[in-house]
């Protein structure tokens, strides 16, 4: 790292002053272009304690319009954040389209700290690296410009700065015990930082090592890099992104037309099984809470297929304090202005809790695909992005259950007509439902492709035969219970 820093020549004071003034003005101008082009920009400041990240950041944003940027100071994770997936607290802070997010510290600092303190072994460290590379790539693929700056100062300079801060009672708070420990282990920390940077230095999210001994020189290096990268991003805006091959194990799954829908239960069989299964589910919910195992249950299916009634029978067995049902409608404006998975990352349950999604992230490859709400490149990329998202949930230790609720066209027409002719049920049927019915064949093709490309071994699909709603409800309960029992057993044996 020191050799890289030394190879960059610091300009003389007069040239530095001129370039600094020009770079500041240019960023203010580019900020307007970023807003107009709806380009999200994420700038990450990492580095050694007392390297001046905060003071340089304050200079960087001084001439920017404060309405269109946010600054996030990423301290140690809060207790509630520790009960979510590792990337949760970063994904929820990604910028909206047309805005900047500056992060003072981030995912690098978190995992390097855990590594140098030996809270992560080499294998766990490697897994986190893979998660981060996927995270940064998917943001970049969806139009986000990512810049990562590492503030470097040597051991002696760091010690000198901390002593100056500690000598003043008004600044002593800025030096943490972690900073002092880091200075004593400067060489060890440098080695882990270097390893991390080498493994995460990608063309779509490059690392820039910054000589932070002079704050004005550091500011100039960062400003010019930001400006250069934004100009490149603006020039490339709208270009298609390569579709990546799936790298996750897939299992075969039948096409919808081959599913036998002639499955049913008598009322007596249904009531007997329902009582028994709901009792078991209630018991398991207590175990899940104690073991801190999160559960995600995702429902997709045809209109009038019976998703609501199915969800109701599962929710009825759960402690109301430990679950939430998320009915997913069209995204709000602030949701449309972020990565399509953002609104699902922000709805994930805490460990030990259950989240039930009535419609899901799969809207990207169904309704958004067929109604033209995203480009073909967007929905083609989404299969892999969804598999990666669900892999993060699996690595977190979550139970993931995905249901496709299947009925035939005649059953749907019968239920639509009943809703239309029943006043208290008429609110359930809309003109859009009838319009979508006219696209049944197109939707069926899209669903079949979705099932084939996202039926991973760690997050498989389950097709619920729902011409008989009673049968579908019992099957869903059985699948959820089995998945919970397997995850509980797996955790206890680990």
Protein backbone atom coordinates (compact mmCIF):
# COMPACT_ATOMS: atom_id res chain seq x y z
CA UNK A 1 0.00 0.00 0.00
CA UNK A 2 2.81 2.39 0.89
CA UNK A 3 4.45 1.80 -2.52
CA UNK A 4 1.17 2.63 -4.29
CA UNK A 5 0.83 5.85 -2.30
CA UNK A 6 4.45 6.83 -2.91
CA UNK A 7 4.02 6.47 -6.68
CA UNK A 8 1.46 9.31 -6.75
CA UNK A 9 3.24 12.66 -6.85
CA UNK A 10 1.79 15.46 -4.77
CA UNK A 11 1.62 18.72 -6.78
CA UNK A 12 3.20 21.94 -5.58
CA UNK A 13 1.07 24.23 -3.44
CA UNK A 14 0.08 26.64 -6.22
CA UNK A 15 -0.97 23.87 -8.61
CA UNK A 16 -2.77 22.05 -5.79
CA UNK A 17 -4.76 25.19 -4.97
CA UNK A 18 -5.79 25.73 -8.60
CA UNK A 19 -6.77 22.11 -9.19
CA UNK A 20 -8.67 21.99 -5.92
CA UNK A 21 -10.75 25.04 -6.81
CA UNK A 22 -11.52 23.64 -10.27
CA UNK A 23 -12.43 20.20 -8.90
CA UNK A 24 -14.81 21.66 -6.31
CA UNK A 25 -16.64 23.69 -8.95
CA UNK A 26 -16.79 20.73 -11.28
CA UNK A 27 -18.37 18.46 -8.67
CA UNK A 28 -21.07 21.07 -7.99
CA UNK A 29 -21.85 21.12 -11.72
CA UNK A 30 -21.79 17.35 -12.05
CA UNK A 31 -24.16 17.00 -9.10
CA UNK A 32 -26.86 18.69 -11.20
CA UNK A 33 -26.17 16.31 -14.10
CA UNK A 34 -26.33 13.33 -11.73
CA UNK A 35 -29.74 14.49 -10.52
CA UNK A 36 -31.03 15.00 -14.07
CA UNK A 37 -29.74 11.62 -15.24
CA UNK A 38 -31.15 9.92 -12.09
CA UNK A 39 -27.76 8.38 -11.40
CA UNK A 40 -27.19 7.05 -7.86
CA UNK A 41 -23.67 7.60 -6.48
CA UNK A 42 -22.22 5.76 -3.47
CA UNK A 43 -18.93 7.03 -2.04
CA UNK A 44 -17.25 4.96 0.65
CA UNK A 45 -14.58 6.40 2.96
CA UNK A 46 -12.50 3.77 4.74
CA UNK A 47 -9.09 3.82 6.38
CA UNK A 48 -7.08 4.10 9.56
CA UNK A 49 -8.41 5.87 12.64
CA UNK A 50 -7.40 9.56 12.79
CA UNK A 51 -6.63 9.55 9.05
CA UNK A 52 -8.99 12.51 8.55
CA UNK A 53 -11.96 10.87 6.84
CA UNK A 54 -14.51 13.08 8.58
CA UNK A 55 -12.75 16.40 8.01
CA UNK A 56 -12.05 15.64 4.34
CA UNK A 57 -15.63 14.52 3.84
CA UNK A 58 -16.84 17.84 5.25
CA UNK A 59 -14.70 19.64 2.66
CA UNK A 60 -15.93 17.44 -0.20
CA UNK A 61 -19.61 18.21 0.41
CA UNK A 62 -19.14 21.90 1.24
CA UNK A 63 -20.07 23.16 -2.25
CA UNK A 64 -22.70 20.50 -2.95
CA UNK A 65 -26.46 20.98 -2.74
CA UNK A 66 -27.42 19.37 0.61
CA UNK A 67 -30.86 18.39 -0.69
CA UNK A 68 -29.35 15.73 -2.90
CA UNK A 69 -26.84 13.92 -0.74
CA UNK A 70 -26.78 12.01 2.54
CA UNK A 71 -23.91 11.30 4.89
CA UNK A 72 -23.99 8.02 6.82
CA UNK A 73 -21.63 7.43 9.74
CA UNK A 74 -21.33 3.68 10.12
CA UNK A 75 -20.45 2.89 13.70
CA UNK A 76 -20.62 -0.54 15.31
CA UNK A 77 -23.83 -2.38 14.33
CA UNK A 78 -26.80 -1.76 16.62
CA UNK A 79 -28.31 -4.78 18.44
CA UNK A 80 -31.28 -4.81 16.04
CA UNK A 81 -28.90 -4.70 13.06
CA UNK A 82 -27.01 -7.70 14.42
CA UNK A 83 -30.30 -9.63 14.17
CA UNK A 84 -30.45 -9.00 10.41
CA UNK A 85 -28.25 -10.25 7.54
CA UNK A 86 -24.74 -8.76 7.40
CA UNK A 87 -25.50 -6.54 4.38
CA UNK A 88 -28.87 -5.30 5.67
CA UNK A 89 -27.63 -2.07 7.24
CA UNK A 90 -25.71 -1.16 4.09
CA UNK A 91 -28.37 -2.12 1.57
CA UNK A 92 -30.99 -0.01 3.35
CA UNK A 93 -28.71 3.04 3.03
CA UNK A 94 -28.03 2.86 -0.71
CA UNK A 95 -28.74 6.17 -2.51
CA UNK A 96 -31.87 7.01 -4.42
CA UNK A 97 -31.54 7.68 -8.14
CA UNK A 98 -30.10 11.15 -8.66
CA UNK A 99 -28.57 11.34 -5.19
CA UNK A 100 -25.23 10.81 -3.47
CA UNK A 101 -24.63 8.77 -0.34
CA UNK A 102 -21.33 9.27 1.45
CA UNK A 103 -20.44 6.59 3.98
CA UNK A 104 -17.90 7.31 6.70
CA UNK A 105 -16.84 3.73 7.30
CA UNK A 106 -18.67 0.71 5.96
CA UNK A 107 -18.58 -2.98 5.17
CA UNK A 108 -14.78 -3.03 4.82
CA UNK A 109 -14.24 -1.63 8.28
CA UNK A 110 -16.72 -4.09 9.80
CA UNK A 111 -15.26 -7.31 8.44
CA UNK A 112 -11.60 -6.24 8.68
CA UNK A 113 -12.15 -5.37 12.34
CA UNK A 114 -13.70 -8.77 12.94
CA UNK A 115 -10.86 -10.47 11.07
CA UNK A 116 -7.99 -8.76 12.92
CA UNK A 117 -9.72 -9.50 16.23
CA UNK A 118 -10.03 -13.13 15.08
CA UNK A 119 -13.81 -13.12 15.28
CA UNK A 120 -13.83 -14.29 11.65
CA UNK A 121 -11.74 -17.23 10.53
CA UNK A 122 -10.34 -17.40 7.00
CA UNK A 123 -13.36 -19.27 5.62
CA UNK A 124 -15.90 -16.86 7.14
CA UNK A 125 -13.81 -13.91 5.96
CA UNK A 126 -13.85 -15.34 2.44
CA UNK A 127 -17.62 -15.76 2.50
CA UNK A 128 -18.07 -12.13 3.54
CA UNK A 129 -15.78 -11.07 0.68
CA UNK A 130 -17.99 -13.00 -1.78
CA UNK A 131 -21.12 -11.34 -0.37
CA UNK A 132 -19.58 -7.90 -0.71
CA UNK A 133 -18.47 -8.47 -4.30
CA UNK A 134 -21.99 -9.59 -5.25
CA UNK A 135 -23.49 -6.62 -3.40
CA UNK A 136 -21.27 -4.10 -5.15
CA UNK A 137 -21.73 -5.72 -8.57
CA UNK A 138 -25.52 -5.79 -8.36
CA UNK A 139 -25.59 -2.11 -7.36
CA UNK A 140 -23.31 -1.27 -10.27
CA UNK A 141 -25.38 -3.36 -12.71
CA UNK A 142 -28.44 -1.37 -11.67
CA UNK A 143 -26.76 1.95 -12.46
CA UNK A 144 -25.04 2.91 -9.21
CA UNK A 145 -21.61 4.53 -9.40
CA UNK A 146 -19.46 3.18 -6.56
CA UNK A 147 -16.21 4.80 -5.40
CA UNK A 148 -14.16 3.39 -2.54
CA UNK A 149 -11.40 5.45 -0.93
CA UNK A 150 -8.91 4.15 1.61
CA UNK A 151 -7.22 6.80 3.78
CA UNK A 152 -3.69 5.70 4.56
CA UNK A 153 -1.34 7.11 7.20
CA UNK A 154 1.67 5.34 8.63
CA UNK A 155 2.00 4.19 12.22
CA UNK A 156 3.92 7.25 13.44
CA UNK A 157 1.57 9.75 11.80
CA UNK A 158 -1.45 7.99 13.27
CA UNK A 159 0.08 8.01 16.76
CA UNK A 160 0.96 11.70 16.47
CA UNK A 161 -2.57 12.66 15.41
CA UNK A 162 -4.23 10.66 18.16
CA UNK A 163 -1.98 12.24 20.79
CA UNK A 164 -2.99 15.70 19.55
CA UNK A 165 -6.67 14.78 19.68
CA UNK A 166 -6.38 13.27 23.16
CA UNK A 167 -4.61 16.37 24.46
CA UNK A 168 -7.76 18.48 23.91
CA UNK A 169 -10.83 17.55 25.96
CA UNK A 170 -13.04 18.77 23.12
CA UNK A 171 -11.56 16.30 20.62
CA UNK A 172 -10.49 13.42 22.87
CA UNK A 173 -13.82 11.67 22.22
CA UNK A 174 -12.79 11.19 18.58
CA UNK A 175 -10.15 8.63 19.58
CA UNK A 176 -11.64 5.25 20.43
CA UNK A 177 -10.13 2.26 22.15
CA UNK A 178 -10.26 0.54 18.77
CA UNK A 179 -8.13 3.33 17.25
CA UNK A 180 -5.50 2.93 19.97
CA UNK A 181 -5.45 -0.85 19.51
CA UNK A 182 -5.21 -0.40 15.74
CA UNK A 183 -2.13 1.81 16.11
CA UNK A 184 -0.38 -0.84 18.22
CA UNK A 185 -1.26 -3.46 15.57
CA UNK A 186 -0.70 -1.16 12.59
CA UNK A 187 1.26 -3.72 10.57
CA UNK A 188 -1.27 -6.50 11.14
CA UNK A 189 -4.17 -4.22 10.24
CA UNK A 190 -2.35 -3.01 7.11
CA UNK A 191 -1.90 -6.57 5.94
CA UNK A 192 -5.59 -7.42 6.34
CA UNK A 193 -6.65 -4.14 4.71
CA UNK A 194 -4.33 -4.91 1.79
CA UNK A 195 -5.72 -8.44 1.41
CA UNK A 196 -9.27 -7.12 1.50
CA UNK A 197 -8.57 -4.44 -1.10
CA UNK A 198 -6.85 -6.85 -3.47
CA UNK A 199 -9.81 -9.23 -3.32
CA UNK A 200 -12.51 -6.55 -3.76
CA UNK A 201 -10.86 -4.25 -6.30
CA UNK A 202 -13.22 -4.56 -9.25
CA UNK A 203 -13.61 -2.39 -12.35
CA UNK A 204 -17.20 -1.58 -11.35
CA UNK A 205 -16.16 -0.71 -7.76
CA UNK A 206 -12.45 0.22 -7.71
CA UNK A 207 -10.32 1.01 -4.69
CA UNK A 208 -8.34 4.23 -4.50
CA UNK A 209 -5.57 4.37 -1.89
CA UNK A 210 -5.30 7.95 -0.65
CA UNK A 211 -2.23 9.59 0.82
CA UNK A 212 -3.95 11.21 3.81
CA UNK A 213 -0.96 12.96 5.37
CA UNK A 214 -2.05 16.26 3.79
CA UNK A 215 -5.80 16.93 4.00
CA UNK A 216 -5.87 19.24 0.98
CA UNK A 217 -3.97 16.70 -1.11
CA UNK A 218 -6.36 13.99 0.06
CA UNK A 219 -9.34 16.15 -0.86
CA UNK A 220 -7.96 16.81 -4.34
CA UNK A 221 -7.26 13.13 -5.02
CA UNK A 222 -10.83 12.24 -4.04
CA UNK A 223 -12.54 15.09 -5.87
CA UNK A 224 -10.76 14.37 -9.14
CA UNK A 225 -11.53 10.65 -8.89
CA UNK A 226 -15.21 11.32 -8.14
CA UNK A 227 -15.50 13.73 -11.07
CA UNK A 228 -13.75 11.36 -13.45
CA UNK A 229 -15.93 8.42 -12.50
CA UNK A 230 -19.16 10.40 -12.69
CA UNK A 231 -18.30 11.64 -16.19
CA UNK A 232 -17.65 8.04 -17.25
CA UNK A 233 -20.91 6.89 -15.68
CA UNK A 234 -22.89 9.64 -17.42
CA UNK A 235 -21.33 8.68 -20.75
CA UNK A 236 -22.25 5.02 -20.20
CA UNK A 237 -25.74 5.67 -18.85
CA UNK A 238 -28.41 3.47 -20.41
CA UNK A 239 -26.03 0.85 -21.78
CA UNK A 240 -27.01 -2.78 -21.37
CA UNK A 241 -25.23 -4.82 -18.70
CA UNK A 242 -23.93 -8.35 -19.45
CA UNK A 243 -26.18 -11.17 -18.24
CA UNK A 244 -24.24 -13.41 -15.86
CA UNK A 245 -24.62 -17.20 -15.88
CA UNK A 246 -26.27 -18.80 -12.86
CA UNK A 247 -23.66 -20.21 -10.47
CA UNK A 248 -26.06 -21.70 -7.94
CA UNK A 249 -27.32 -25.32 -7.86
CA UNK A 250 -30.78 -25.72 -9.38
CA UNK A 251 -33.29 -28.53 -9.01
CA UNK A 252 -35.76 -29.67 -11.72
CA UNK A 253 -39.36 -28.54 -11.31
CA UNK A 254 -42.44 -29.38 -13.44
CA UNK A 255 -44.09 -26.89 -15.75
CA UNK A 256 -47.42 -25.53 -14.53
CA UNK A 257 -49.34 -27.35 -17.25
CA UNK A 258 -48.04 -30.68 -15.91
CA UNK A 259 -49.22 -30.12 -12.33
CA UNK A 260 -52.12 -32.38 -11.29
CA UNK A 261 -54.79 -30.11 -9.83
CA UNK A 262 -57.25 -32.92 -9.01
CA UNK A 263 -56.27 -33.05 -5.37
CA UNK A 264 -58.76 -32.39 -2.61
CA UNK A 265 -59.68 -33.00 1.01
CA UNK A 266 -63.04 -33.57 2.64
CA UNK A 267 -64.14 -31.02 5.21
CA UNK A 268 -63.61 -33.57 7.97
CA UNK A 269 -60.06 -34.41 6.82
CA UNK A 270 -59.29 -30.71 6.47
CA UNK A 271 -60.45 -29.72 9.96
CA UNK A 272 -58.63 -32.62 11.61
CA UNK A 273 -55.34 -31.88 9.86
CA UNK A 274 -55.68 -28.12 10.29
CA UNK A 275 -56.00 -28.31 14.07
CA UNK A 276 -53.05 -30.69 14.40
CA UNK A 277 -50.75 -28.73 12.09
CA UNK A 278 -51.55 -25.31 13.53
CA UNK A 279 -50.80 -26.62 17.01
CA UNK A 280 -47.42 -27.92 15.83
CA UNK A 281 -46.63 -24.65 14.05
CA UNK A 282 -47.42 -22.71 17.22
CA UNK A 283 -44.96 -24.88 19.17
CA UNK A 284 -42.25 -24.40 16.56
CA UNK A 285 -42.66 -20.63 16.61
CA UNK A 286 -41.51 -20.63 20.24
CA UNK A 287 -38.49 -22.77 19.36
CA UNK A 288 -37.59 -20.49 16.44
CA UNK A 289 -37.67 -17.48 18.73
CA UNK A 290 -35.47 -19.16 21.32
CA UNK A 291 -32.99 -20.35 18.68
CA UNK A 292 -33.11 -16.95 16.89
CA UNK A 293 -33.90 -18.51 13.52
CA UNK A 294 -35.49 -16.11 11.00
CA UNK A 295 -38.21 -17.31 8.62
CA UNK A 296 -39.23 -15.89 5.23
CA UNK A 297 -42.38 -17.28 3.60
CA UNK A 298 -43.01 -15.98 0.09
CA UNK A 299 -46.29 -16.31 -1.82
CA UNK A 300 -46.82 -15.89 -5.54
CA UNK A 301 -49.69 -17.22 -7.62
CA UNK A 302 -52.62 -16.51 -9.91
CA UNK A 303 -55.20 -13.91 -8.98
CA UNK A 304 -57.97 -15.60 -6.93
CA UNK A 305 -55.74 -18.64 -6.33
CA UNK A 306 -56.25 -18.43 -2.57
CA UNK A 307 -53.05 -16.80 -1.30
CA UNK A 308 -54.89 -14.72 1.30
CA UNK A 309 -56.73 -17.65 2.84
CA UNK A 310 -53.56 -19.71 2.83
CA UNK A 311 -51.62 -16.98 4.64
CA UNK A 312 -54.46 -16.59 7.13
CA UNK A 313 -54.26 -20.26 8.20
CA UNK A 314 -50.52 -19.99 8.81
CA UNK A 315 -50.73 -16.65 10.64
CA UNK A 316 -53.52 -17.97 12.87
CA UNK A 317 -51.05 -20.39 14.47
CA UNK A 318 -48.39 -17.76 15.19
CA UNK A 319 -47.75 -15.42 18.11
CA UNK A 320 -48.80 -11.99 16.86
CA UNK A 321 -45.67 -10.43 18.39
CA UNK A 322 -43.36 -12.58 16.31
CA UNK A 323 -44.52 -12.25 12.71
CA UNK A 324 -45.53 -9.70 10.09
CA UNK A 325 -47.40 -10.06 6.81
CA UNK A 326 -46.21 -7.80 3.99
CA UNK A 327 -48.79 -7.25 1.21
CA UNK A 328 -46.67 -6.10 -1.73
CA UNK A 329 -48.28 -3.65 -4.14
CA UNK A 330 -46.78 -1.38 -6.80
CA UNK A 331 -43.60 0.28 -5.49
CA UNK A 332 -43.81 3.78 -4.04
CA UNK A 333 -41.79 6.56 -5.78
CA UNK A 334 -38.93 6.33 -3.27
CA UNK A 335 -38.87 2.55 -3.81
CA UNK A 336 -38.81 2.85 -7.60
CA UNK A 337 -35.78 5.11 -7.24
CA UNK A 338 -33.67 2.36 -5.69
CA UNK A 339 -32.57 -1.16 -6.56
CA UNK A 340 -35.68 -3.32 -6.94
CA UNK A 341 -34.64 -5.52 -4.00
CA UNK A 342 -34.29 -2.56 -1.61
CA UNK A 343 -37.90 -2.66 -0.48
CA UNK A 344 -37.52 -6.34 0.41
CA UNK A 345 -34.20 -6.00 2.20
CA UNK A 346 -35.83 -3.37 4.40
CA UNK A 347 -38.72 -5.72 5.25
CA UNK A 348 -36.66 -8.69 6.39
CA UNK A 349 -37.53 -10.10 9.82
CA UNK A 350 -35.30 -10.05 12.87
CA UNK A 351 -33.77 -13.36 13.83
CA UNK A 352 -36.39 -15.45 15.62
CA UNK A 353 -39.23 -13.69 13.75
CA UNK A 354 -41.28 -14.55 10.67
CA UNK A 355 -41.97 -12.42 7.59
CA UNK A 356 -44.74 -13.51 5.23
CA UNK A 357 -44.76 -11.84 1.80
CA UNK A 358 -48.01 -11.69 -0.18
CA UNK A 359 -46.32 -11.13 -3.56
CA UNK A 360 -42.58 -10.71 -3.65
CA UNK A 361 -39.37 -9.72 -5.40
CA UNK A 362 -40.43 -12.07 -8.20
CA UNK A 363 -42.64 -9.32 -9.55
CA UNK A 364 -39.53 -8.21 -11.41
CA UNK A 365 -39.64 -11.26 -13.69
CA UNK A 366 -43.42 -11.41 -13.99
CA UNK A 367 -45.56 -8.27 -13.92
CA UNK A 368 -42.66 -5.83 -14.45
CA UNK A 369 -41.40 -7.95 -17.31
CA UNK A 370 -44.75 -8.35 -19.05
CA UNK A 371 -46.09 -4.85 -18.46
CA UNK A 372 -42.87 -3.14 -19.58
CA UNK A 373 -42.09 -1.58 -16.18
CA UNK A 374 -38.42 -2.50 -16.61
CA UNK A 375 -36.13 -3.21 -19.55
CA UNK A 376 -35.46 -6.71 -20.87
CA UNK A 377 -31.89 -6.40 -19.60
CA UNK A 378 -33.25 -5.58 -16.13
CA UNK A 379 -35.47 -8.64 -15.82
CA UNK A 380 -32.98 -10.97 -17.47
CA UNK A 381 -30.37 -9.94 -14.85
CA UNK A 382 -32.89 -10.32 -12.05
CA UNK A 383 -32.85 -14.13 -11.99
CA UNK A 384 -29.23 -14.16 -10.86
CA UNK A 385 -29.71 -11.18 -8.54
CA UNK A 386 -32.63 -12.94 -6.85
CA UNK A 387 -30.64 -16.16 -6.46
CA UNK A 388 -27.86 -14.11 -4.86
CA UNK A 389 -30.32 -12.35 -2.54
CA UNK A 390 -31.78 -15.65 -1.38
CA UNK A 391 -28.27 -17.08 -0.92
CA UNK A 392 -27.55 -14.23 1.51
CA UNK A 393 -30.69 -15.18 3.43
CA UNK A 394 -29.66 -18.83 3.45
CA UNK A 395 -26.13 -17.98 4.65
CA UNK A 396 -27.74 -15.89 7.39
CA UNK A 397 -29.47 -19.06 8.60
CA UNK A 398 -33.01 -18.23 7.50
CA UNK A 399 -35.77 -20.67 6.66
CA UNK A 400 -36.87 -19.77 3.13
CA UNK A 401 -40.18 -21.15 1.84
CA UNK A 402 -41.47 -20.08 -1.58
CA UNK A 403 -44.98 -20.97 -2.75
CA UNK A 404 -46.52 -20.74 -6.19
CA UNK A 405 -50.30 -21.09 -5.72
CA UNK A 406 -51.64 -22.84 -8.83
CA UNK A 407 -55.17 -23.04 -10.24
CA UNK A 408 -56.54 -23.58 -13.74
CA UNK A 409 -58.27 -20.99 -15.92
CA UNK A 410 -61.76 -22.38 -15.34
CA UNK A 411 -61.36 -22.20 -11.56
CA UNK A 412 -60.12 -18.63 -11.80
CA UNK A 413 -63.10 -17.62 -13.94
CA UNK A 414 -65.48 -19.25 -11.47
CA UNK A 415 -63.90 -17.36 -8.55
CA UNK A 416 -63.78 -14.06 -10.46
CA UNK A 417 -67.49 -14.40 -11.28
CA UNK A 418 -68.36 -15.21 -7.66
CA UNK A 419 -66.49 -12.14 -6.47
CA UNK A 420 -68.15 -9.96 -9.09
CA UNK A 421 -71.62 -11.15 -8.05
CA UNK A 422 -71.09 -11.04 -4.27
CA UNK A 423 -71.26 -7.47 -2.84
CA UNK A 424 -69.06 -8.17 0.19
CA UNK A 425 -66.39 -9.75 -2.05
CA UNK A 426 -66.57 -7.30 -4.95
CA UNK A 427 -63.61 -5.27 -3.62
CA UNK A 428 -61.39 -8.28 -4.34
CA UNK A 429 -61.93 -8.07 -8.12
CA UNK A 430 -60.59 -5.23 -10.29
CA UNK A 431 -60.42 -4.34 -13.97
CA UNK A 432 -56.72 -5.16 -13.79
CA UNK A 433 -57.53 -8.72 -12.69
CA UNK A 434 -59.67 -9.22 -15.79
CA UNK A 435 -57.00 -7.64 -17.99
CA UNK A 436 -54.29 -9.89 -16.56
CA UNK A 437 -56.50 -12.92 -17.17
CA UNK A 438 -56.35 -12.07 -20.86
CA UNK A 439 -52.56 -12.50 -20.67
CA UNK A 440 -52.72 -15.90 -18.97
CA UNK A 441 -50.52 -17.67 -21.54
CA UNK A 442 -47.85 -14.95 -21.42
CA UNK A 443 -47.82 -15.05 -17.64
CA UNK A 444 -47.65 -18.84 -17.63
CA UNK A 445 -44.54 -18.75 -19.85
CA UNK A 446 -42.94 -16.17 -17.55
CA UNK A 447 -43.77 -18.17 -14.43
CA UNK A 448 -42.36 -21.37 -15.90
CA UNK A 449 -39.11 -19.59 -16.73
CA UNK A 450 -39.00 -18.08 -13.24
CA UNK A 451 -39.50 -21.47 -11.59
CA UNK A 452 -36.84 -23.11 -13.74
CA UNK A 453 -34.20 -20.42 -13.14
CA UNK A 454 -34.73 -19.80 -9.42
CA UNK A 455 -35.55 -23.25 -8.03
CA UNK A 456 -32.28 -23.40 -6.09
CA UNK A 457 -31.43 -26.19 -3.66
CA UNK A 458 -31.25 -23.69 -0.77
CA UNK A 459 -34.49 -21.84 -1.66
CA UNK A 460 -36.73 -24.23 -3.62
CA UNK A 461 -40.19 -23.52 -4.98
CA UNK A 462 -43.26 -25.43 -3.78
CA UNK A 463 -46.29 -25.55 -6.07
CA UNK A 464 -49.58 -25.58 -4.14
CA UNK A 465 -52.41 -27.27 -6.04
CA UNK A 466 -55.20 -24.87 -5.11
CA UNK A 467 -58.25 -25.80 -7.14
CA UNK A 468 -59.24 -27.13 -3.72
CA UNK A 469 -58.20 -24.42 -1.26
CA UNK A 470 -58.40 -26.80 1.67
CA UNK A 471 -55.80 -29.10 0.12
CA UNK A 472 -53.47 -26.16 -0.62
CA UNK A 473 -53.71 -24.82 2.95
CA UNK A 474 -52.82 -28.15 4.50
CA UNK A 475 -49.94 -28.71 2.09
CA UNK A 476 -48.55 -25.25 2.87
CA UNK A 477 -48.66 -25.87 6.61
CA UNK A 478 -46.92 -29.21 6.19
CA UNK A 479 -44.14 -27.69 4.07
CA UNK A 480 -43.56 -24.77 6.45
CA UNK A 481 -43.42 -27.10 9.46
CA UNK A 482 -40.99 -29.46 7.75
CA UNK A 483 -38.69 -26.60 6.70
CA UNK A 484 -38.68 -25.19 10.24
CA UNK A 485 -37.97 -28.56 11.82
CA UNK A 486 -35.07 -29.20 9.45
CA UNK A 487 -33.49 -25.80 10.17
CA UNK A 488 -33.88 -26.23 13.93
CA UNK A 489 -32.21 -29.63 13.73
CA UNK A 490 -29.45 -28.25 11.55
CA UNK A 491 -28.71 -25.42 13.97
CA UNK A 492 -28.66 -27.71 16.99
CA UNK A 493 -26.22 -30.06 15.23
CA UNK A 494 -23.91 -27.29 14.05
